[in-house]
N, C-alpha and C. Protein backbone atom coordinates (compact mmCIF):
# COMPACT_ATOMS: atom_id res chain seq x y z
N UNK A 1 86.05 137.56 74.69
CA UNK A 1 86.74 138.85 74.52
C UNK A 1 85.81 140.01 74.74
N UNK A 2 84.54 139.87 74.11
CA UNK A 2 84.02 140.95 74.23
C UNK A 2 83.71 141.44 75.61
N UNK A 3 83.45 140.92 76.59
CA UNK A 3 83.49 141.16 78.07
C UNK A 3 84.41 141.70 78.44
N UNK A 4 85.59 141.20 78.20
CA UNK A 4 86.85 141.80 78.86
C UNK A 4 87.30 142.96 78.07
N UNK A 5 86.99 143.47 76.79
CA UNK A 5 87.02 144.78 76.21
C UNK A 5 86.31 145.80 77.04
N UNK A 6 85.18 145.24 76.97
CA UNK A 6 84.01 146.33 77.92
C UNK A 6 84.55 146.43 79.06
N UNK A 7 84.98 145.56 79.95
CA UNK A 7 85.58 145.64 81.28
C UNK A 7 86.80 146.61 81.19
N UNK A 8 87.70 146.31 80.16
CA UNK A 8 89.11 147.65 80.38
C UNK A 8 88.37 148.77 79.84
N UNK A 9 87.56 148.94 78.91
CA UNK A 9 86.79 150.30 78.51
C UNK A 9 86.24 150.74 79.85
N UNK A 10 85.53 150.21 80.45
CA UNK A 10 84.88 150.78 81.72
C UNK A 10 86.18 151.08 82.69
N UNK A 11 87.04 150.65 82.94
CA UNK A 11 88.09 150.53 83.95
C UNK A 11 88.67 152.06 83.42
N UNK A 12 88.99 151.83 82.05
CA UNK A 12 89.78 153.51 81.71
C UNK A 12 88.84 154.36 81.67
N UNK A 13 87.48 154.26 81.46
CA UNK A 13 86.76 155.74 81.94
C UNK A 13 86.49 155.98 83.12
N UNK A 14 86.70 154.81 83.95
CA UNK A 14 86.30 155.25 85.64
C UNK A 14 87.44 155.76 86.05
N UNK A 15 88.83 155.47 85.34
CA UNK A 15 89.81 156.08 86.01
C UNK A 15 89.82 157.68 85.71
N UNK A 16 89.60 158.19 84.54
CA UNK A 16 89.57 159.51 83.94
C UNK A 16 88.31 160.33 84.82
N UNK A 17 87.09 159.66 84.47
CA UNK A 17 86.03 160.43 84.72
C UNK A 17 85.24 159.91 86.35
N UNK A 18 85.89 158.99 86.77
CA UNK A 18 85.10 158.66 88.05
C UNK A 18 84.16 157.56 87.94
N UNK A 19 84.30 156.81 88.94
CA UNK A 19 83.27 155.54 88.93
C UNK A 19 82.01 155.91 88.48
N UNK A 20 81.29 156.96 89.23
CA UNK A 20 79.93 157.00 89.04
C UNK A 20 79.42 157.74 87.78
N UNK A 21 80.49 158.45 86.97
CA UNK A 21 80.22 158.92 85.50
C UNK A 21 80.34 157.70 84.96
N UNK A 22 81.21 157.00 84.98
CA UNK A 22 81.71 156.17 83.88
C UNK A 22 80.36 155.17 83.91
N UNK A 23 79.87 154.59 85.41
CA UNK A 23 78.90 153.77 85.10
C UNK A 23 77.65 154.34 84.66
N UNK A 24 77.16 155.67 84.88
CA UNK A 24 75.93 156.02 84.10
C UNK A 24 76.14 156.22 82.68
N UNK A 25 77.24 156.38 82.20
CA UNK A 25 77.47 156.25 80.59
C UNK A 25 77.38 154.75 80.37
N UNK A 26 77.77 154.00 80.89
CA UNK A 26 77.75 152.58 80.38
C UNK A 26 76.20 152.15 80.47
N UNK A 27 75.47 152.46 81.64
CA UNK A 27 74.24 152.23 81.52
C UNK A 27 73.35 152.68 80.51
N UNK A 28 73.72 154.19 80.34
CA UNK A 28 72.76 154.66 79.39
C UNK A 28 72.86 154.12 77.87
N UNK A 29 74.30 153.73 77.73
CA UNK A 29 74.64 153.16 76.42
C UNK A 29 73.76 151.51 76.22
N UNK A 30 73.61 150.77 77.47
CA UNK A 30 72.78 149.71 77.57
C UNK A 30 71.22 149.75 77.22
N UNK A 31 70.92 151.14 77.67
CA UNK A 31 69.48 151.06 77.83
C UNK A 31 69.19 151.81 75.93
N UNK A 32 70.03 152.30 75.35
CA UNK A 32 70.18 152.55 74.05
C UNK A 32 69.72 151.48 72.99
N UNK A 33 70.65 150.35 73.43
CA UNK A 33 70.32 149.16 72.91
C UNK A 33 69.33 148.49 72.74
N UNK A 34 68.24 148.89 73.59
CA UNK A 34 67.01 148.45 73.51
C UNK A 34 65.79 149.49 72.71
N UNK A 35 66.05 150.95 73.43
CA UNK A 35 65.11 151.77 73.29
C UNK A 35 65.82 153.47 72.65
N UNK A 36 65.37 154.01 71.74
CA UNK A 36 66.39 154.73 71.07
C UNK A 36 65.66 156.21 71.57
N UNK A 37 66.67 156.22 72.64
CA UNK A 37 66.96 157.34 73.64
C UNK A 37 68.22 158.32 73.88
N UNK A 38 67.98 159.48 74.04
CA UNK A 38 69.08 160.37 74.08
C UNK A 38 68.73 161.04 75.57
N UNK A 39 70.14 161.04 76.01
CA UNK A 39 69.82 162.17 77.30
C UNK A 39 71.02 163.30 76.98
N UNK A 40 70.52 164.22 77.24
CA UNK A 40 71.22 165.53 76.95
C UNK A 40 71.23 166.34 78.07
N UNK A 41 72.41 166.65 78.59
CA UNK A 41 72.91 167.61 79.41
C UNK A 41 73.01 168.65 79.30
N UNK A 42 72.27 170.07 79.58
CA UNK A 42 72.07 171.41 79.44
C UNK A 42 72.82 172.19 80.22
N UNK A 43 73.44 172.83 79.36
CA UNK A 43 74.64 173.54 80.23
C UNK A 43 74.73 175.24 79.88
N UNK A 44 75.42 175.86 80.71
CA UNK A 44 75.24 177.43 80.76
C UNK A 44 76.75 177.87 80.88
N UNK A 45 77.40 178.97 80.21
CA UNK A 45 78.36 179.47 80.86
C UNK A 45 78.02 180.96 80.99
N UNK A 46 78.56 181.92 82.04
CA UNK A 46 78.17 183.25 82.38
C UNK A 46 79.18 183.80 82.37
N UNK A 47 80.32 183.14 83.01
CA UNK A 47 82.00 183.75 83.61
C UNK A 47 82.92 183.34 82.51
N UNK A 48 83.75 184.63 82.00
CA UNK A 48 84.84 184.13 81.32
C UNK A 48 85.69 184.18 82.03
N UNK A 49 86.22 182.75 81.44
CA UNK A 49 87.58 182.31 82.22
C UNK A 49 89.00 183.06 81.82
N UNK A 50 89.58 184.01 82.55
CA UNK A 50 90.95 184.69 81.91
C UNK A 50 91.90 183.45 81.43
N UNK A 51 91.95 182.39 82.35
CA UNK A 51 93.01 181.20 81.57
C UNK A 51 92.63 180.73 80.12
N UNK A 52 91.57 181.18 79.83
CA UNK A 52 91.04 180.55 78.24
C UNK A 52 91.08 181.50 77.34
N UNK A 53 91.55 182.91 78.01
CA UNK A 53 91.34 184.22 76.89
C UNK A 53 92.58 184.11 75.80
N UNK A 54 93.73 183.77 76.53
CA UNK A 54 95.04 183.84 75.65
C UNK A 54 95.07 183.11 74.75
N UNK A 55 95.58 183.48 73.60
CA UNK A 55 95.67 182.59 72.42
C UNK A 55 97.32 182.43 72.02
N UNK A 56 97.61 181.36 71.45
CA UNK A 56 99.17 181.32 70.99
C UNK A 56 99.46 182.40 70.65
N UNK A 57 100.86 182.49 70.57
CA UNK A 57 101.26 183.94 69.90
C UNK A 57 101.11 184.07 68.39
N UNK A 58 101.00 183.17 67.74
CA UNK A 58 101.18 182.81 66.19
C UNK A 58 99.56 182.94 65.71
N UNK A 59 98.61 182.85 66.73
CA UNK A 59 97.10 182.89 66.39
C UNK A 59 96.63 183.84 66.63
N UNK A 60 95.15 184.06 65.87
CA UNK A 60 94.25 185.05 65.87
C UNK A 60 93.06 184.47 66.25
N UNK A 61 92.23 185.00 66.66
CA UNK A 61 90.48 184.79 66.67
C UNK A 61 89.63 185.60 66.55
N UNK A 62 88.62 185.63 65.53
CA UNK A 62 87.28 186.49 65.38
C UNK A 62 86.34 185.82 64.83
N UNK A 63 85.46 186.32 64.36
CA UNK A 63 84.06 185.87 63.80
C UNK A 63 84.65 185.85 61.97
N UNK A 64 84.01 184.78 61.58
CA UNK A 64 84.49 184.60 60.29
C UNK A 64 83.74 185.36 59.19
N UNK A 65 83.94 185.76 58.17
CA UNK A 65 82.74 186.35 56.89
C UNK A 65 82.51 185.26 56.01
N UNK A 66 81.60 185.68 55.47
CA UNK A 66 80.98 184.66 54.61
C UNK A 66 81.89 184.25 53.66
N UNK A 67 82.56 185.07 53.17
CA UNK A 67 83.69 184.50 51.87
C UNK A 67 84.47 183.52 52.61
N UNK A 68 85.02 183.59 53.51
CA UNK A 68 86.01 182.54 54.15
C UNK A 68 85.27 181.34 54.49
N UNK A 69 84.01 181.30 55.15
CA UNK A 69 83.25 180.24 55.29
C UNK A 69 82.88 179.52 53.84
N UNK A 70 82.52 180.14 52.96
CA UNK A 70 82.47 179.31 51.71
C UNK A 70 83.67 178.95 51.13
N UNK A 71 84.70 179.42 51.44
CA UNK A 71 85.82 178.70 50.75
C UNK A 71 86.17 177.60 51.71
N UNK A 72 85.81 177.48 53.19
CA UNK A 72 86.24 176.59 54.00
C UNK A 72 85.24 175.64 53.61
N UNK A 73 84.07 175.59 53.11
CA UNK A 73 83.28 174.48 52.65
C UNK A 73 83.73 173.65 51.37
N UNK A 74 84.44 174.07 50.78
CA UNK A 74 85.18 173.20 49.74
C UNK A 74 86.29 172.36 50.25
N UNK A 75 86.28 172.57 51.41
CA UNK A 75 87.36 171.59 52.20
C UNK A 75 86.78 170.76 52.75
N UNK A 76 86.90 169.14 52.98
CA UNK A 76 86.18 168.26 53.65
C UNK A 76 86.88 168.37 55.04
N UNK A 77 87.81 168.66 55.27
CA UNK A 77 88.39 168.84 56.60
C UNK A 77 87.69 169.58 57.63
N UNK A 78 87.05 170.95 57.07
CA UNK A 78 86.13 171.61 58.13
C UNK A 78 84.53 171.15 58.41
N UNK A 79 84.21 170.26 57.76
CA UNK A 79 82.86 169.67 57.91
C UNK A 79 81.80 170.62 57.68
N UNK A 80 81.49 171.54 56.87
CA UNK A 80 80.78 172.57 56.58
C UNK A 80 80.43 172.13 54.91
N UNK A 81 79.01 172.30 55.08
CA UNK A 81 78.52 171.75 53.42
C UNK A 81 77.82 173.41 52.93
N UNK A 82 77.47 173.47 51.63
CA UNK A 82 77.07 174.72 51.21
C UNK A 82 75.68 174.87 51.72
N UNK A 83 74.93 173.61 51.96
CA UNK A 83 73.43 173.59 52.45
C UNK A 83 73.41 173.97 53.87
N UNK A 84 74.21 173.69 54.41
CA UNK A 84 74.63 174.04 55.78
C UNK A 84 74.67 175.89 56.40
N UNK A 85 75.98 176.03 55.47
CA UNK A 85 76.13 177.66 55.41
C UNK A 85 74.63 178.18 55.00
N UNK A 86 74.35 177.94 54.08
CA UNK A 86 72.73 178.61 53.62
C UNK A 86 71.83 178.64 54.70
N UNK A 87 71.73 177.57 55.42
CA UNK A 87 70.65 177.73 56.40
C UNK A 87 71.26 178.71 57.71
N UNK A 88 72.51 178.22 58.31
CA UNK A 88 73.15 179.14 59.27
C UNK A 88 72.78 180.24 58.79
N UNK A 89 73.48 180.67 57.90
CA UNK A 89 73.76 182.24 57.46
C UNK A 89 72.48 183.24 57.25
N UNK A 90 71.44 182.06 56.85
CA UNK A 90 69.93 182.97 56.36
C UNK A 90 69.43 183.21 57.73
N UNK A 91 69.78 182.58 58.72
CA UNK A 91 69.19 183.24 60.15
C UNK A 91 69.96 183.77 61.33
N UNK A 92 71.15 184.25 60.64
CA UNK A 92 71.82 185.09 61.34
C UNK A 92 72.94 184.46 62.21
N UNK A 93 73.43 182.97 61.93
CA UNK A 93 74.18 182.18 62.83
C UNK A 93 75.70 182.99 62.62
N UNK A 94 76.74 182.78 63.42
CA UNK A 94 77.34 183.14 63.40
C UNK A 94 78.82 182.29 63.78
N UNK A 95 80.12 182.00 63.07
CA UNK A 95 80.77 181.34 63.46
C UNK A 95 82.34 181.91 63.59
N UNK A 96 82.43 181.81 65.15
CA UNK A 96 84.02 182.31 65.63
C UNK A 96 85.00 180.94 65.38
N UNK A 97 86.13 181.69 65.15
CA UNK A 97 87.35 180.59 64.96
C UNK A 97 88.67 181.11 65.37
N UNK A 98 89.57 180.30 65.75
CA UNK A 98 90.58 180.38 65.90
C UNK A 98 91.49 180.19 64.69
N UNK A 99 92.31 180.91 64.54
CA UNK A 99 93.10 181.18 62.99
C UNK A 99 94.62 181.03 63.20
N UNK A 100 95.43 180.37 62.36
CA UNK A 100 96.84 180.21 62.50
C UNK A 100 97.09 180.45 61.33
N UNK A 101 97.86 181.71 61.31
CA UNK A 101 98.23 182.34 59.75
C UNK A 101 96.85 182.76 59.33
N UNK A 102 96.36 182.31 58.14
CA UNK A 102 95.30 182.44 57.54
C UNK A 102 94.31 181.47 57.52
N UNK A 103 94.77 180.25 58.01
CA UNK A 103 93.83 179.10 58.18
C UNK A 103 92.96 178.90 59.44
N UNK A 104 91.65 179.01 59.27
CA UNK A 104 90.73 178.67 60.56
C UNK A 104 91.38 177.32 61.26
N UNK A 105 91.53 176.92 62.30
CA UNK A 105 91.99 175.57 62.74
C UNK A 105 91.33 175.01 63.78
N UNK A 106 90.18 175.93 64.57
CA UNK A 106 89.24 175.58 65.52
C UNK A 106 87.86 176.59 65.33
N UNK A 107 86.79 176.02 65.43
CA UNK A 107 85.77 176.93 65.21
C UNK A 107 84.58 176.23 65.56
N UNK A 108 83.56 177.44 66.27
CA UNK A 108 82.09 176.96 66.75
C UNK A 108 81.14 177.72 66.20
N UNK A 109 79.55 177.51 66.15
CA UNK A 109 78.63 178.03 65.48
C UNK A 109 77.82 178.58 66.76
N UNK A 110 77.32 179.95 66.61
CA UNK A 110 76.85 180.54 67.59
C UNK A 110 75.39 181.01 67.16
N UNK A 111 74.19 180.77 67.45
CA UNK A 111 72.93 180.93 67.41
C UNK A 111 72.09 181.82 67.88
N UNK A 112 71.22 182.76 67.82
CA UNK A 112 70.59 183.54 68.42
C UNK A 112 69.10 183.42 68.04
N UNK A 113 69.11 182.43 67.41
CA UNK A 113 67.17 182.14 67.08
C UNK A 113 67.16 180.55 67.25
N UNK A 114 65.80 180.05 67.67
CA UNK A 114 65.86 178.75 67.48
C UNK A 114 66.33 177.89 65.95
N UNK A 115 67.08 176.69 66.59
CA UNK A 115 68.10 176.32 65.68
C UNK A 115 67.71 174.50 65.46
N UNK A 116 67.65 174.19 64.05
CA UNK A 116 67.66 172.74 63.87
C UNK A 116 68.74 172.15 64.67
N UNK A 117 68.07 170.55 64.77
CA UNK A 117 69.35 169.56 65.23
C UNK A 117 68.67 168.66 64.43
N UNK A 118 69.20 167.58 64.88
CA UNK A 118 68.87 166.13 64.04
C UNK A 118 67.60 165.83 64.14
N UNK A 119 66.80 164.83 63.58
CA UNK A 119 65.56 164.33 63.49
C UNK A 119 64.28 165.07 63.51
N UNK A 120 64.55 166.24 62.73
CA UNK A 120 63.71 167.09 62.49
C UNK A 120 63.03 168.11 63.89
N UNK A 121 64.19 167.98 64.82
CA UNK A 121 63.90 168.77 65.90
C UNK A 121 64.65 170.01 65.77
N UNK A 122 64.15 170.93 66.84
CA UNK A 122 65.10 172.13 66.81
C UNK A 122 65.22 172.51 68.10
N UNK A 123 66.25 173.17 68.49
CA UNK A 123 66.82 173.77 70.02
C UNK A 123 66.28 175.05 70.14
N UNK A 124 65.39 175.54 71.56
CA UNK A 124 64.88 176.57 71.66
C UNK A 124 65.35 177.01 72.93
N UNK A 125 65.53 178.32 73.14
CA UNK A 125 66.60 179.04 74.13
C UNK A 125 66.04 180.63 74.53
N UNK A 126 66.36 181.15 75.62
CA UNK A 126 65.94 182.31 75.95
C UNK A 126 66.74 183.02 75.37
N UNK A 127 66.30 184.16 74.69
CA UNK A 127 66.94 185.27 73.48
C UNK A 127 67.85 185.88 74.12
N UNK A 128 68.06 186.05 75.59
CA UNK A 128 69.05 186.62 76.44
C UNK A 128 70.48 185.93 76.26
N UNK A 129 70.31 184.65 75.66
CA UNK A 129 71.59 183.64 75.59
C UNK A 129 71.78 183.70 74.07
N UNK A 130 73.19 182.90 73.94
CA UNK A 130 73.35 182.66 72.69
C UNK A 130 73.64 181.17 72.70
N UNK A 131 73.34 180.34 71.90
CA UNK A 131 73.36 179.03 71.69
C UNK A 131 74.61 178.48 70.83
N UNK A 132 75.46 178.03 71.57
CA UNK A 132 76.76 177.34 70.91
C UNK A 132 76.54 176.14 70.52
N UNK A 133 77.04 175.70 69.17
CA UNK A 133 76.94 174.32 68.82
C UNK A 133 77.52 173.94 67.31
N UNK A 134 77.83 173.01 67.13
CA UNK A 134 78.93 172.58 65.87
C UNK A 134 80.44 173.04 65.94
N UNK A 135 80.93 172.45 67.24
CA UNK A 135 82.48 172.94 67.17
C UNK A 135 83.26 171.95 66.60
N UNK A 136 84.59 172.37 65.88
CA UNK A 136 85.59 171.53 65.29
C UNK A 136 86.65 172.01 65.61
N UNK A 137 87.67 171.04 65.69
CA UNK A 137 89.04 171.63 65.82
C UNK A 137 89.82 170.62 64.90
N UNK A 138 90.80 171.09 64.12
CA UNK A 138 91.57 170.06 62.82
C UNK A 138 92.12 169.38 63.72
N UNK A 139 92.37 168.01 63.33
CA UNK A 139 93.26 166.96 63.92
C UNK A 139 94.53 167.44 64.28
N UNK A 140 95.27 168.17 63.63
CA UNK A 140 96.72 168.54 63.81
C UNK A 140 96.72 169.45 65.07
N UNK A 141 95.83 170.06 65.11
CA UNK A 141 95.71 171.27 66.37
C UNK A 141 95.05 170.67 67.77
N UNK A 142 94.71 169.64 67.80
CA UNK A 142 94.01 168.91 68.88
C UNK A 142 95.10 168.89 70.18
N UNK A 143 94.27 168.98 71.40
CA UNK A 143 95.07 169.08 72.46
C UNK A 143 95.90 170.23 72.86
N UNK A 144 95.20 171.07 72.14
CA UNK A 144 95.75 172.74 72.94
C UNK A 144 94.84 173.69 73.22
N UNK A 145 93.62 173.26 73.56
CA UNK A 145 92.65 173.84 74.27
C UNK A 145 91.89 174.98 73.21
N UNK A 146 92.11 174.85 72.10
CA UNK A 146 91.79 175.75 71.35
C UNK A 146 90.24 176.08 71.16
N UNK A 147 89.55 175.16 71.09
CA UNK A 147 88.28 175.02 71.26
C UNK A 147 87.81 175.53 72.13
N UNK A 148 88.05 175.45 73.61
CA UNK A 148 87.85 176.34 74.90
C UNK A 148 88.35 177.71 74.61
N UNK A 149 89.57 178.08 74.15
CA UNK A 149 90.03 179.37 73.72
C UNK A 149 89.03 180.22 73.02
N UNK A 150 88.38 179.53 72.06
CA UNK A 150 87.77 180.19 71.04
C UNK A 150 86.52 180.31 71.71
N UNK A 151 85.84 179.61 72.31
CA UNK A 151 84.40 179.73 72.97
C UNK A 151 84.49 180.41 73.99
N UNK A 152 85.24 180.73 74.73
CA UNK A 152 85.76 181.91 75.83
C UNK A 152 85.54 182.97 75.36
N UNK A 153 86.40 183.22 74.11
CA UNK A 153 86.48 184.66 73.78
C UNK A 153 85.34 185.08 72.96
N UNK A 154 84.31 184.02 72.49
CA UNK A 154 83.13 184.23 71.92
C UNK A 154 82.32 184.91 72.81
N UNK A 155 82.44 183.96 74.05
CA UNK A 155 81.24 184.44 75.14
C UNK A 155 81.64 185.95 75.49
N UNK A 156 82.81 186.63 75.63
CA UNK A 156 83.43 187.67 75.91
C UNK A 156 82.66 188.33 75.01
N UNK A 157 82.81 188.39 73.58
CA UNK A 157 82.52 189.19 72.53
C UNK A 157 80.79 189.23 72.55
N UNK A 158 80.21 188.13 72.67
CA UNK A 158 78.90 188.10 72.97
C UNK A 158 78.06 189.12 73.91
N UNK A 159 78.88 188.83 75.30
CA UNK A 159 78.67 189.67 76.54
C UNK A 159 78.84 191.02 76.28
N UNK A 160 79.92 191.62 75.61
CA UNK A 160 79.99 193.07 75.04
C UNK A 160 78.94 193.16 74.13
N UNK A 161 78.21 192.65 73.85
CA UNK A 161 77.00 193.19 73.00
C UNK A 161 75.62 192.95 73.95
N UNK A 162 75.65 192.53 74.85
CA UNK A 162 74.79 192.57 75.77
C UNK A 162 73.93 191.41 75.87
N UNK A 163 74.46 190.22 75.78
CA UNK A 163 73.94 188.90 76.11
C UNK A 163 74.58 188.36 77.38
N UNK A 164 73.44 187.62 78.08
CA UNK A 164 74.09 186.81 79.53
C UNK A 164 75.26 186.01 79.33
N UNK A 165 75.09 185.17 78.49
CA UNK A 165 76.14 184.12 78.28
C UNK A 165 75.78 182.97 77.18
N UNK A 166 76.35 182.18 77.10
CA UNK A 166 76.09 180.89 76.08
C UNK A 166 75.42 179.70 77.09
N UNK A 167 74.59 179.28 76.29
CA UNK A 167 74.05 177.78 76.39
C UNK A 167 74.21 176.64 75.20
N UNK A 168 74.46 175.53 75.88
CA UNK A 168 74.57 174.40 75.17
C UNK A 168 74.07 173.08 75.44
N UNK A 169 74.09 172.04 74.72
CA UNK A 169 73.83 170.63 75.29
C UNK A 169 74.90 169.70 75.21
N UNK A 170 75.18 168.76 75.42
CA UNK A 170 76.19 167.82 75.30
C UNK A 170 75.45 166.23 75.70
N UNK A 171 75.28 165.17 74.83
CA UNK A 171 74.80 164.09 75.26
C UNK A 171 75.89 163.22 76.49
N UNK A 172 74.88 162.98 77.37
CA UNK A 172 75.15 162.65 78.70
C UNK A 172 76.51 161.63 78.66
N UNK A 173 76.33 160.57 77.66
CA UNK A 173 77.47 159.81 77.71
C UNK A 173 78.79 160.04 76.85
N UNK A 174 78.52 161.32 76.76
CA UNK A 174 80.04 162.18 76.02
C UNK A 174 80.85 162.39 77.18
N UNK A 175 81.65 161.87 77.53
CA UNK A 175 81.98 162.31 79.04
C UNK A 175 83.35 162.96 78.58
N UNK A 176 84.10 162.98 77.51
CA UNK A 176 85.33 163.68 77.11
C UNK A 176 84.96 164.93 77.16
N UNK A 177 83.71 165.35 76.30
CA UNK A 177 83.29 166.53 76.20
C UNK A 177 82.61 167.32 77.27
N UNK A 178 81.96 166.73 78.36
CA UNK A 178 81.19 167.19 79.45
C UNK A 178 82.66 167.78 80.20
N UNK A 179 83.42 166.74 80.67
CA UNK A 179 84.85 167.18 81.02
C UNK A 179 85.34 168.42 80.41
N UNK A 180 85.91 168.45 79.61
CA UNK A 180 86.07 169.84 78.91
C UNK A 180 84.97 171.01 79.19
N UNK A 181 84.22 170.79 78.93
CA UNK A 181 83.00 172.17 78.96
C UNK A 181 82.84 172.59 80.65
N UNK A 182 83.09 171.52 81.72
CA UNK A 182 83.12 171.90 82.82
C UNK A 182 84.35 172.58 83.48
N UNK A 183 85.62 172.36 82.77
CA UNK A 183 86.89 172.70 83.06
C UNK A 183 87.00 174.19 82.56
N UNK A 184 86.39 174.59 81.35
CA UNK A 184 86.10 176.01 81.31
C UNK A 184 84.91 176.69 81.65
N UNK A 185 84.49 176.20 82.51
CA UNK A 185 83.33 176.73 83.22
C UNK A 185 81.92 176.61 82.95
N UNK A 186 81.40 176.11 82.04
CA UNK A 186 80.12 175.70 81.80
C UNK A 186 79.31 174.90 83.28
N UNK A 187 77.98 175.19 83.52
CA UNK A 187 77.58 174.65 84.47
C UNK A 187 76.18 174.18 84.15
N UNK A 188 75.85 172.76 84.60
CA UNK A 188 74.67 172.06 84.33
C UNK A 188 73.32 172.64 85.03
N UNK A 189 72.53 172.96 84.13
CA UNK A 189 71.13 173.29 84.43
C UNK A 189 69.87 172.44 84.46
N UNK A 190 69.93 171.49 83.67
CA UNK A 190 69.04 170.56 83.29
C UNK A 190 69.40 169.45 82.62
N UNK A 191 68.32 168.61 82.43
CA UNK A 191 68.61 167.65 81.46
C UNK A 191 67.16 167.36 80.32
N UNK A 192 67.69 167.14 78.99
CA UNK A 192 66.27 166.61 78.13
C UNK A 192 66.54 165.14 77.81
N UNK A 193 65.62 164.46 77.87
CA UNK A 193 65.28 163.32 77.20
C UNK A 193 64.46 163.40 75.97
N UNK A 194 65.48 162.68 74.87
CA UNK A 194 64.80 162.61 73.90
C UNK A 194 64.46 161.20 73.35
N UNK A 195 63.12 160.42 73.31
CA UNK A 195 63.04 159.38 73.06
C UNK A 195 62.31 159.30 71.60
N UNK A 196 62.42 158.28 71.07
CA UNK A 196 61.56 157.74 69.79
C UNK A 196 60.65 156.41 69.97
N UNK A 197 59.60 156.82 69.66
CA UNK A 197 58.58 156.02 69.75
C UNK A 197 57.50 155.79 68.69
N UNK A 198 57.77 154.74 67.69
CA UNK A 198 57.07 154.08 66.71
C UNK A 198 57.35 155.40 65.54
N UNK A 199 58.46 155.98 65.34
CA UNK A 199 59.04 156.81 64.46
C UNK A 199 58.86 158.41 64.61
N UNK A 200 58.39 158.75 65.82
CA UNK A 200 58.19 159.99 66.60
C UNK A 200 58.87 160.19 67.79
N UNK A 201 59.60 161.51 67.59
CA UNK A 201 60.05 162.10 68.97
C UNK A 201 59.24 162.54 70.18
N UNK A 202 59.56 162.20 71.52
CA UNK A 202 58.75 162.54 72.65
C UNK A 202 60.25 163.35 73.34
N UNK A 203 59.72 164.59 73.66
CA UNK A 203 60.79 164.89 74.59
C UNK A 203 60.31 165.41 75.88
N UNK A 204 60.92 165.38 77.02
CA UNK A 204 61.16 165.56 78.09
C UNK A 204 62.28 166.27 78.96
N UNK A 205 62.18 167.70 79.69
CA UNK A 205 63.07 168.16 80.18
C UNK A 205 62.70 168.20 81.71
N UNK A 206 63.90 168.39 82.40
CA UNK A 206 63.80 168.58 83.93
C UNK A 206 63.36 170.01 84.25
N UNK A 207 63.03 170.43 85.37
CA UNK A 207 62.61 171.96 85.60
C UNK A 207 63.40 172.82 85.38
N UNK A 208 64.84 172.75 85.70
CA UNK A 208 65.83 173.80 85.54
C UNK A 208 65.89 174.30 84.12
N UNK A 209 65.39 173.24 83.27
CA UNK A 209 65.49 174.02 81.70
C UNK A 209 64.92 175.19 81.57
N UNK A 210 63.56 175.07 82.47
CA UNK A 210 62.69 176.37 82.55
C UNK A 210 63.39 178.00 82.82
N UNK A 211 64.38 177.71 83.46
CA UNK A 211 65.07 179.18 84.02
C UNK A 211 65.76 179.45 82.84
N UNK A 212 65.96 178.91 81.63
CA UNK A 212 66.71 179.34 80.29
C UNK A 212 66.07 179.17 79.04
N UNK A 213 64.46 178.92 79.18
CA UNK A 213 63.71 178.64 78.21
C UNK A 213 64.15 177.70 77.22
N UNK A 214 64.83 176.68 77.85
CA UNK A 214 65.74 175.68 76.99
C UNK A 214 65.17 174.22 76.71
N UNK A 215 64.89 173.94 75.49
CA UNK A 215 63.94 172.80 75.00
C UNK A 215 64.52 172.52 73.67
N UNK A 216 63.93 171.18 73.75
CA UNK A 216 64.42 170.32 72.09
C UNK A 216 62.87 169.82 71.87
N UNK A 217 62.19 170.74 70.73
CA UNK A 217 60.98 170.35 70.05
C UNK A 217 61.04 169.85 68.94
N UNK A 218 59.90 169.39 67.98
CA UNK A 218 59.77 169.53 67.27
C UNK A 218 59.48 170.58 66.21
N UNK A 219 60.13 170.51 65.03
CA UNK A 219 59.96 172.06 64.21
C UNK A 219 58.59 171.88 63.86
N UNK A 220 58.11 173.25 63.45
CA UNK A 220 56.44 173.61 63.24
C UNK A 220 56.26 172.66 62.09
N UNK A 221 57.43 172.39 61.22
CA UNK A 221 56.72 171.77 59.92
C UNK A 221 56.46 169.98 60.09
N UNK A 222 57.32 169.62 61.16
CA UNK A 222 57.01 168.31 61.51
C UNK A 222 56.09 168.19 62.82
N UNK A 223 55.41 169.32 63.05
CA UNK A 223 54.16 168.85 63.81
C UNK A 223 53.01 168.93 63.37
N UNK A 224 52.00 167.45 63.85
CA UNK A 224 50.99 167.22 62.67
C UNK A 224 50.13 168.51 62.84
């Protein structure tokens, strides 16, 4: 039964994302059963897609103020904690959200300085770009491309301040997110391999990442 389930899942993903993409994702998951490794696809967007600038008529979008974010942290559906907000806001990160009435329904976080990620690592990038991370859309609003709309409008806002564009990463086996990112205009510029060996992380990046000074490295506190 397990083989049948895996086979059915593979056929389903191949029909949506293509045979090659599905095969690479399944191969990576097989490797991850043996080795603690992640493959991160590094992406950039610098062109605003007009199709993703238009909001539903009943909605608005903008950067959220601190008070709104603190209120959101009291509701589990937003996946925000006071500790996360303390760290993000202290380093100048901003949250851009799509709002329905007075309720934020889709958001993304944007950083202009090196940003912590899991495992005592942090993301580094060219300061001419803004790093997008931690996006969320409430369940009741999924399927309306609000995340893409919010991200595109945030891109336009940052370009008006003089930034070149946005950079981000997506795990290589997250085919749904990759397809969504490519649809809104993101392009791949490299890959980063994060391998855990004897409790420590080793990271390797492909040459294209250097053009954006994009890397995932140990934080200074976790460096021997």
